Amino acid sequence: KVSCDVCNGLRFNSETLSVLWRGKSIGDVLNMSI
């Protein structure tokens, strides 16, 4: 298993990742530590 080369492991497409909340995308939040 390797990181996806399309989304770089962020799980979402670029249009979805362009929506930011407090400077973070939904993919950034998933990669955030607890």
ModelCIF file with pLDDT and N, C-alpha, C, O atoms, coordinates in Angstrom:
data_MODEL
#
_entry.id   MODEL 
#
_entity.id                         1 
_entity.type                       polymer 
_entity.pdbx_number_of_molecules   1 
#
_entity_poly.entity_id                      1 
_entity_poly.type                           'polypeptide(L)' 
_entity_poly.nstd_linkage                   no 
_entity_poly.nstd_monomer                   no 
_entity_poly.pdbx_seq_one_letter_code       KVSCDVCNGLRFNSETLSVLWRGKSIGDVLNMSI 
_entity_poly.pdbx_seq_one_letter_code_can   KVSCDVCNGLRFNSETLSVLWRGKSIGDVLNMSI 
_entity_poly.pdbx_strand_id                 A 
#
loop_
_entity_poly_seq.entity_id 
_entity_poly_seq.num 
_entity_poly_seq.mon_id 
_entity_poly_seq.hetero 
1 1  LYS n 
1 2  VAL n 
1 3  SER n 
1 4  CYS n 
1 5  ASP n 
1 6  VAL n 
1 7  CYS n 
1 8  ASN n 
1 9  GLY n 
1 10 LEU n 
1 11 ARG n 
1 12 PHE n 
1 13 ASN n 
1 14 SER n 
1 15 GLU n 
1 16 THR n 
1 17 LEU n 
1 18 SER n 
1 19 VAL n 
1 20 LEU n 
1 21 TRP n 
1 22 ARG n 
1 23 GLY n 
1 24 LYS n 
1 25 SER n 
1 26 ILE n 
1 27 GLY n 
1 28 ASP n 
1 29 VAL n 
1 30 LEU n 
1 31 ASN n 
1 32 MET n 
1 33 SER n 
1 34 ILE n 
#
_struct_asym.id          A 
_struct_asym.entity_id   1 
#
loop_
_ma_qa_metric.id 
_ma_qa_metric.mode 
_ma_qa_metric.name 
_ma_qa_metric.software_group_id 
_ma_qa_metric.type 
1 global pLDDT . pLDDT 
2 local  pLDDT . pLDDT 
#
_ma_qa_metric_global.metric_id      1 
_ma_qa_metric_global.metric_value   95.53 
_ma_qa_metric_global.model_id       1 
_ma_qa_metric_global.ordinal_id     1 
#
loop_
_ma_qa_metric_local.label_asym_id 
_ma_qa_metric_local.label_comp_id 
_ma_qa_metric_local.label_seq_id 
_ma_qa_metric_local.metric_id 
_ma_qa_metric_local.metric_value 
_ma_qa_metric_local.model_id 
_ma_qa_metric_local.ordinal_id 
A LYS 1  2 88.00 1 1  
A VAL 2  2 92.00 1 2  
A SER 3  2 93.00 1 3  
A CYS 4  2 94.00 1 4  
A ASP 5  2 93.00 1 5  
A VAL 6  2 95.00 1 6  
A CYS 7  2 95.00 1 7  
A ASN 8  2 94.00 1 8  
A GLY 9  2 93.00 1 9  
A LEU 10 2 95.00 1 10 
A ARG 11 2 95.00 1 11 
A PHE 12 2 97.00 1 12 
A ASN 13 2 97.00 1 13 
A SER 14 2 96.00 1 14 
A GLU 15 2 96.00 1 15 
A THR 16 2 97.00 1 16 
A LEU 17 2 97.00 1 17 
A SER 18 2 97.00 1 18 
A VAL 19 2 97.00 1 19 
A LEU 20 2 97.00 1 20 
A TRP 21 2 97.00 1 21 
A ARG 22 2 97.00 1 22 
A GLY 23 2 97.00 1 23 
A LYS 24 2 97.00 1 24 
A SER 25 2 97.00 1 25 
A ILE 26 2 97.00 1 26 
A GLY 27 2 96.00 1 27 
A ASP 28 2 97.00 1 28 
A VAL 29 2 97.00 1 29 
A LEU 30 2 96.00 1 30 
A ASN 31 2 95.00 1 31 
A MET 32 2 96.00 1 32 
A SER 33 2 95.00 1 33 
A ILE 34 2 96.00 1 34 
#
loop_
_atom_site.group_PDB 
_atom_site.id 
_atom_site.type_symbol 
_atom_site.label_atom_id 
_atom_site.label_alt_id 
_atom_site.label_comp_id 
_atom_site.label_asym_id 
_atom_site.label_entity_id 
_atom_site.label_seq_id 
_atom_site.pdbx_PDB_ins_code 
_atom_site.Cartn_x 
_atom_site.Cartn_y 
_atom_site.Cartn_z 
_atom_site.occupancy 
_atom_site.B_iso_or_equiv 
_atom_site.pdbx_formal_charge 
_atom_site.auth_seq_id 
_atom_site.auth_comp_id 
_atom_site.auth_asym_id 
_atom_site.auth_atom_id 
_atom_site.pdbx_PDB_model_num 
ATOM 1   N N  . LYS A 1 1  ? 0.845   -1.189 0.000  1.00 88.00 ? 1  LYS A N  1 
ATOM 2   C CA . LYS A 1 1  ? 0.000   0.000  0.000  1.00 88.00 ? 1  LYS A CA 1 
ATOM 3   C C  . LYS A 1 1  ? 0.886   1.247  0.000  1.00 88.00 ? 1  LYS A C  1 
ATOM 4   O O  . LYS A 1 1  ? 1.794   1.378  0.821  1.00 88.00 ? 1  LYS A O  1 
ATOM 5   N N  . VAL A 1 2  ? 0.610   2.151  -0.927 1.00 92.00 ? 2  VAL A N  1 
ATOM 6   C CA . VAL A 1 2  ? 1.369   3.400  -1.024 1.00 92.00 ? 2  VAL A CA 1 
ATOM 7   C C  . VAL A 1 2  ? 0.395   4.569  -1.015 1.00 92.00 ? 2  VAL A C  1 
ATOM 8   O O  . VAL A 1 2  ? -0.785  4.410  -1.327 1.00 92.00 ? 2  VAL A O  1 
ATOM 9   N N  . SER A 1 3  ? 0.902   5.747  -0.653 1.00 93.00 ? 3  SER A N  1 
ATOM 10  C CA . SER A 1 3  ? 0.067   6.944  -0.632 1.00 93.00 ? 3  SER A CA 1 
ATOM 11  C C  . SER A 1 3  ? -0.425  7.253  -2.043 1.00 93.00 ? 3  SER A C  1 
ATOM 12  O O  . SER A 1 3  ? 0.323   7.129  -3.013 1.00 93.00 ? 3  SER A O  1 
ATOM 13  N N  . CYS A 1 4  ? -1.677  7.653  -2.144 1.00 94.00 ? 4  CYS A N  1 
ATOM 14  C CA . CYS A 1 4  ? -2.270  7.949  -3.451 1.00 94.00 ? 4  CYS A CA 1 
ATOM 15  C C  . CYS A 1 4  ? -1.538  9.124  -4.113 1.00 94.00 ? 4  CYS A C  1 
ATOM 16  O O  . CYS A 1 4  ? -1.351  10.169 -3.491 1.00 94.00 ? 4  CYS A O  1 
ATOM 17  N N  . ASP A 1 5  ? -1.126  8.951  -5.372 1.00 93.00 ? 5  ASP A N  1 
ATOM 18  C CA . ASP A 1 5  ? -0.381  10.003 -6.061 1.00 93.00 ? 5  ASP A CA 1 
ATOM 19  C C  . ASP A 1 5  ? -1.300  11.068 -6.661 1.00 93.00 ? 5  ASP A C  1 
ATOM 20  O O  . ASP A 1 5  ? -0.820  12.080 -7.171 1.00 93.00 ? 5  ASP A O  1 
ATOM 21  N N  . VAL A 1 6  ? -2.607  10.853 -6.605 1.00 95.00 ? 6  VAL A N  1 
ATOM 22  C CA . VAL A 1 6  ? -3.558  11.844 -7.129 1.00 95.00 ? 6  VAL A CA 1 
ATOM 23  C C  . VAL A 1 6  ? -3.887  12.894 -6.067 1.00 95.00 ? 6  VAL A C  1 
ATOM 24  O O  . VAL A 1 6  ? -3.848  14.095 -6.333 1.00 95.00 ? 6  VAL A O  1 
ATOM 25  N N  . CYS A 1 7  ? -4.212  12.422 -4.857 1.00 95.00 ? 7  CYS A N  1 
ATOM 26  C CA . CYS A 1 7  ? -4.589  13.361 -3.780 1.00 95.00 ? 7  CYS A CA 1 
ATOM 27  C C  . CYS A 1 7  ? -3.500  13.504 -2.720 1.00 95.00 ? 7  CYS A C  1 
ATOM 28  O O  . CYS A 1 7  ? -3.674  14.230 -1.741 1.00 95.00 ? 7  CYS A O  1 
ATOM 29  N N  . ASN A 1 8  ? -2.370  12.806 -2.916 1.00 94.00 ? 8  ASN A N  1 
ATOM 30  C CA . ASN A 1 8  ? -1.265  12.827 -1.941 1.00 94.00 ? 8  ASN A CA 1 
ATOM 31  C C  . ASN A 1 8  ? -1.712  12.374 -0.546 1.00 94.00 ? 8  ASN A C  1 
ATOM 32  O O  . ASN A 1 8  ? -1.242  12.879 0.473  1.00 94.00 ? 8  ASN A O  1 
ATOM 33  N N  . GLY A 1 9  ? -2.625  11.415 -0.536 1.00 93.00 ? 9  GLY A N  1 
ATOM 34  C CA . GLY A 1 9  ? -3.072  10.838 0.724  1.00 93.00 ? 9  GLY A CA 1 
ATOM 35  C C  . GLY A 1 9  ? -4.136  11.635 1.440  1.00 93.00 ? 9  GLY A C  1 
ATOM 36  O O  . GLY A 1 9  ? -4.501  11.284 2.562  1.00 93.00 ? 9  GLY A O  1 
ATOM 37  N N  . LEU A 1 10 ? -4.661  12.716 0.829  1.00 95.00 ? 10 LEU A N  1 
ATOM 38  C CA . LEU A 1 10 ? -5.645  13.582 1.484  1.00 95.00 ? 10 LEU A CA 1 
ATOM 39  C C  . LEU A 1 10 ? -7.092  13.114 1.310  1.00 95.00 ? 10 LEU A C  1 
ATOM 40  O O  . LEU A 1 10 ? -7.997  13.665 1.937  1.00 95.00 ? 10 LEU A O  1 
ATOM 41  N N  . ARG A 1 11 ? -7.318  12.102 0.463  1.00 95.00 ? 11 ARG A N  1 
ATOM 42  C CA . ARG A 1 11 ? -8.605  11.413 0.315  1.00 95.00 ? 11 ARG A CA 1 
ATOM 43  C C  . ARG A 1 11 ? -9.655  12.158 -0.512 1.00 95.00 ? 11 ARG A C  1 
ATOM 44  O O  . ARG A 1 11 ? -10.637 11.549 -0.937 1.00 95.00 ? 11 ARG A O  1 
ATOM 45  N N  . PHE A 1 12 ? -9.473  13.451 -0.748 1.00 97.00 ? 12 PHE A N  1 
ATOM 46  C CA . PHE A 1 12 ? -10.494 14.236 -1.449 1.00 97.00 ? 12 PHE A CA 1 
ATOM 47  C C  . PHE A 1 12 ? -9.919  14.821 -2.746 1.00 97.00 ? 12 PHE A C  1 
ATOM 48  O O  . PHE A 1 12 ? -8.704  14.934 -2.909 1.00 97.00 ? 12 PHE A O  1 
ATOM 49  N N  . ASN A 1 13 ? -10.830 15.193 -3.671 1.00 97.00 ? 13 ASN A N  1 
ATOM 50  C CA . ASN A 1 13 ? -10.373 15.822 -4.908 1.00 97.00 ? 13 ASN A CA 1 
ATOM 51  C C  . ASN A 1 13 ? -10.035 17.292 -4.677 1.00 97.00 ? 13 ASN A C  1 
ATOM 52  O O  . ASN A 1 13 ? -10.332 17.844 -3.617 1.00 97.00 ? 13 ASN A O  1 
ATOM 53  N N  . SER A 1 14 ? -9.427  17.911 -5.653 1.00 96.00 ? 14 SER A N  1 
ATOM 54  C CA . SER A 1 14 ? -8.892  19.263 -5.483 1.00 96.00 ? 14 SER A CA 1 
ATOM 55  C C  . SER A 1 14 ? -9.987  20.295 -5.225 1.00 96.00 ? 14 SER A C  1 
ATOM 56  O O  . SER A 1 14 ? -9.772  21.253 -4.482 1.00 96.00 ? 14 SER A O  1 
ATOM 57  N N  . GLU A 1 15 ? -11.180 20.104 -5.842 1.00 96.00 ? 15 GLU A N  1 
ATOM 58  C CA . GLU A 1 15 ? -12.271 21.056 -5.624 1.00 96.00 ? 15 GLU A CA 1 
ATOM 59  C C  . GLU A 1 15 ? -12.723 21.041 -4.156 1.00 96.00 ? 15 GLU A C  1 
ATOM 60  O O  . GLU A 1 15 ? -12.963 22.093 -3.564 1.00 96.00 ? 15 GLU A O  1 
ATOM 61  N N  . THR A 1 16 ? -12.831 19.877 -3.595 1.00 97.00 ? 16 THR A N  1 
ATOM 62  C CA . THR A 1 16 ? -13.248 19.758 -2.188 1.00 97.00 ? 16 THR A CA 1 
ATOM 63  C C  . THR A 1 16 ? -12.171 20.314 -1.272 1.00 97.00 ? 16 THR A C  1 
ATOM 64  O O  . THR A 1 16 ? -12.482 20.979 -0.284 1.00 97.00 ? 16 THR A O  1 
ATOM 65  N N  . LEU A 1 17 ? -10.913 20.052 -1.584 1.00 97.00 ? 17 LEU A N  1 
ATOM 66  C CA . LEU A 1 17 ? -9.802  20.509 -0.750 1.00 97.00 ? 17 LEU A CA 1 
ATOM 67  C C  . LEU A 1 17 ? -9.617  22.023 -0.808 1.00 97.00 ? 17 LEU A C  1 
ATOM 68  O O  . LEU A 1 17 ? -8.935  22.595 0.043  1.00 97.00 ? 17 LEU A O  1 
ATOM 69  N N  . SER A 1 18 ? -10.214 22.672 -1.798 1.00 97.00 ? 18 SER A N  1 
ATOM 70  C CA . SER A 1 18 ? -10.060 24.129 -1.909 1.00 97.00 ? 18 SER A CA 1 
ATOM 71  C C  . SER A 1 18 ? -10.943 24.871 -0.902 1.00 97.00 ? 18 SER A C  1 
ATOM 72  O O  . SER A 1 18 ? -10.765 26.069 -0.687 1.00 97.00 ? 18 SER A O  1 
ATOM 73  N N  . VAL A 1 19 ? -11.896 24.162 -0.284 1.00 97.00 ? 19 VAL A N  1 
ATOM 74  C CA . VAL A 1 19 ? -12.738 24.779 0.747  1.00 97.00 ? 19 VAL A CA 1 
ATOM 75  C C  . VAL A 1 19 ? -11.975 24.740 2.072  1.00 97.00 ? 19 VAL A C  1 
ATOM 76  O O  . VAL A 1 19 ? -11.606 23.671 2.557  1.00 97.00 ? 19 VAL A O  1 
ATOM 77  N N  . LEU A 1 20 ? -11.746 25.919 2.646  1.00 97.00 ? 20 LEU A N  1 
ATOM 78  C CA . LEU A 1 20 ? -10.947 26.006 3.864  1.00 97.00 ? 20 LEU A CA 1 
ATOM 79  C C  . LEU A 1 20 ? -11.795 26.499 5.038  1.00 97.00 ? 20 LEU A C  1 
ATOM 80  O O  . LEU A 1 20 ? -12.702 27.314 4.873  1.00 97.00 ? 20 LEU A O  1 
ATOM 81  N N  . TRP A 1 21 ? -11.478 25.985 6.222  1.00 97.00 ? 21 TRP A N  1 
ATOM 82  C CA . TRP A 1 21 ? -12.060 26.491 7.474  1.00 97.00 ? 21 TRP A CA 1 
ATOM 83  C C  . TRP A 1 21 ? -10.904 26.738 8.443  1.00 97.00 ? 21 TRP A C  1 
ATOM 84  O O  . TRP A 1 21 ? -10.156 25.819 8.776  1.00 97.00 ? 21 TRP A O  1 
ATOM 85  N N  . ARG A 1 22 ? -10.769 27.961 8.881  1.00 97.00 ? 22 ARG A N  1 
ATOM 86  C CA . ARG A 1 22 ? -9.652  28.393 9.723  1.00 97.00 ? 22 ARG A CA 1 
ATOM 87  C C  . ARG A 1 22 ? -8.303  28.030 9.083  1.00 97.00 ? 22 ARG A C  1 
ATOM 88  O O  . ARG A 1 22 ? -7.353  27.657 9.771  1.00 97.00 ? 22 ARG A O  1 
ATOM 89  N N  . GLY A 1 23 ? -8.246  28.149 7.750  1.00 97.00 ? 23 GLY A N  1 
ATOM 90  C CA . GLY A 1 23 ? -7.011  27.924 7.023  1.00 97.00 ? 23 GLY A CA 1 
ATOM 91  C C  . GLY A 1 23 ? -6.682  26.476 6.742  1.00 97.00 ? 23 GLY A C  1 
ATOM 92  O O  . GLY A 1 23 ? -5.612  26.183 6.208  1.00 97.00 ? 23 GLY A O  1 
ATOM 93  N N  . LYS A 1 24 ? -7.581  25.552 7.092  1.00 97.00 ? 24 LYS A N  1 
ATOM 94  C CA . LYS A 1 24 ? -7.329  24.124 6.895  1.00 97.00 ? 24 LYS A CA 1 
ATOM 95  C C  . LYS A 1 24 ? -8.381  23.528 5.975  1.00 97.00 ? 24 LYS A C  1 
ATOM 96  O O  . LYS A 1 24 ? -9.559  23.877 6.053  1.00 97.00 ? 24 LYS A O  1 
ATOM 97  N N  . SER A 1 25 ? -7.944  22.622 5.100  1.00 97.00 ? 25 SER A N  1 
ATOM 98  C CA . SER A 1 25 ? -8.887  21.873 4.279  1.00 97.00 ? 25 SER A CA 1 
ATOM 99  C C  . SER A 1 25 ? -9.376  20.655 5.057  1.00 97.00 ? 25 SER A C  1 
ATOM 100 O O  . SER A 1 25 ? -8.842  20.323 6.115  1.00 97.00 ? 25 SER A O  1 
ATOM 101 N N  . ILE A 1 26 ? -10.399 19.997 4.518  1.00 97.00 ? 26 ILE A N  1 
ATOM 102 C CA . ILE A 1 26 ? -10.927 18.805 5.175  1.00 97.00 ? 26 ILE A CA 1 
ATOM 103 C C  . ILE A 1 26 ? -9.873  17.691 5.230  1.00 97.00 ? 26 ILE A C  1 
ATOM 104 O O  . ILE A 1 26 ? -9.850  16.891 6.166  1.00 97.00 ? 26 ILE A O  1 
ATOM 105 N N  . GLY A 1 27 ? -9.009  17.651 4.220  1.00 96.00 ? 27 GLY A N  1 
ATOM 106 C CA . GLY A 1 27 ? -7.916  16.672 4.208  1.00 96.00 ? 27 GLY A CA 1 
ATOM 107 C C  . GLY A 1 27 ? -6.868  16.988 5.259  1.00 96.00 ? 27 GLY A C  1 
ATOM 108 O O  . GLY A 1 27 ? -6.323  16.083 5.890  1.00 96.00 ? 27 GLY A O  1 
ATOM 109 N N  . ASP A 1 28 ? -6.581  18.287 5.451  1.00 97.00 ? 28 ASP A N  1 
ATOM 110 C CA . ASP A 1 28 ? -5.634  18.691 6.494  1.00 97.00 ? 28 ASP A CA 1 
ATOM 111 C C  . ASP A 1 28 ? -6.141  18.288 7.876  1.00 97.00 ? 28 ASP A C  1 
ATOM 112 O O  . ASP A 1 28 ? -5.361  17.864 8.728  1.00 97.00 ? 28 ASP A O  1 
ATOM 113 N N  . VAL A 1 29 ? -7.446  18.421 8.095  1.00 97.00 ? 29 VAL A N  1 
ATOM 114 C CA . VAL A 1 29 ? -8.027  18.068 9.389  1.00 97.00 ? 29 VAL A CA 1 
ATOM 115 C C  . VAL A 1 29 ? -7.869  16.574 9.658  1.00 97.00 ? 29 VAL A C  1 
ATOM 116 O O  . VAL A 1 29 ? -7.575  16.174 10.784 1.00 97.00 ? 29 VAL A O  1 
ATOM 117 N N  . LEU A 1 30 ? -8.063  15.755 8.637  1.00 96.00 ? 30 LEU A N  1 
ATOM 118 C CA . LEU A 1 30 ? -7.890  14.304 8.811  1.00 96.00 ? 30 LEU A CA 1 
ATOM 119 C C  . LEU A 1 30 ? -6.459  13.946 9.194  1.00 96.00 ? 30 LEU A C  1 
ATOM 120 O O  . LEU A 1 30 ? -6.230  12.995 9.942  1.00 96.00 ? 30 LEU A O  1 
ATOM 121 N N  . ASN A 1 31 ? -5.502  14.705 8.683  1.00 95.00 ? 31 ASN A N  1 
ATOM 122 C CA . ASN A 1 31 ? -4.099  14.436 8.988  1.00 95.00 ? 31 ASN A CA 1 
ATOM 123 C C  . ASN A 1 31 ? -3.628  15.116 10.265 1.00 95.00 ? 31 ASN A C  1 
ATOM 124 O O  . ASN A 1 31 ? -2.457  15.005 10.629 1.00 95.00 ? 31 ASN A O  1 
ATOM 125 N N  . MET A 1 32 ? -4.526  15.818 10.950 1.00 96.00 ? 32 MET A N  1 
ATOM 126 C CA . MET A 1 32 ? -4.182  16.523 12.171 1.00 96.00 ? 32 MET A CA 1 
ATOM 127 C C  . MET A 1 32 ? -4.152  15.546 13.347 1.00 96.00 ? 32 MET A C  1 
ATOM 128 O O  . MET A 1 32 ? -5.000  14.658 13.439 1.00 96.00 ? 32 MET A O  1 
ATOM 129 N N  . SER A 1 33 ? -3.183  15.708 14.241 1.00 95.00 ? 33 SER A N  1 
ATOM 130 C CA . SER A 1 33 ? -3.142  14.855 15.433 1.00 95.00 ? 33 SER A CA 1 
ATOM 131 C C  . SER A 1 33 ? -4.275  15.233 16.381 1.00 95.00 ? 33 SER A C  1 
ATOM 132 O O  . SER A 1 33 ? -4.770  16.359 16.353 1.00 95.00 ? 33 SER A O  1 
ATOM 133 N N  . ILE A 1 34 ? -4.674  14.293 17.211 1.00 96.00 ? 34 ILE A N  1 
ATOM 134 C CA . ILE A 1 34 ? -5.745  14.548 18.175 1.00 96.00 ? 34 ILE A CA 1 
ATOM 135 C C  . ILE A 1 34 ? -5.343  15.668 19.130 1.00 96.00 ? 34 ILE A C  1 
ATOM 136 O O  . ILE A 1 34 ? -6.116  16.030 20.018 1.00 96.00 ? 34 ILE A O  1 
#
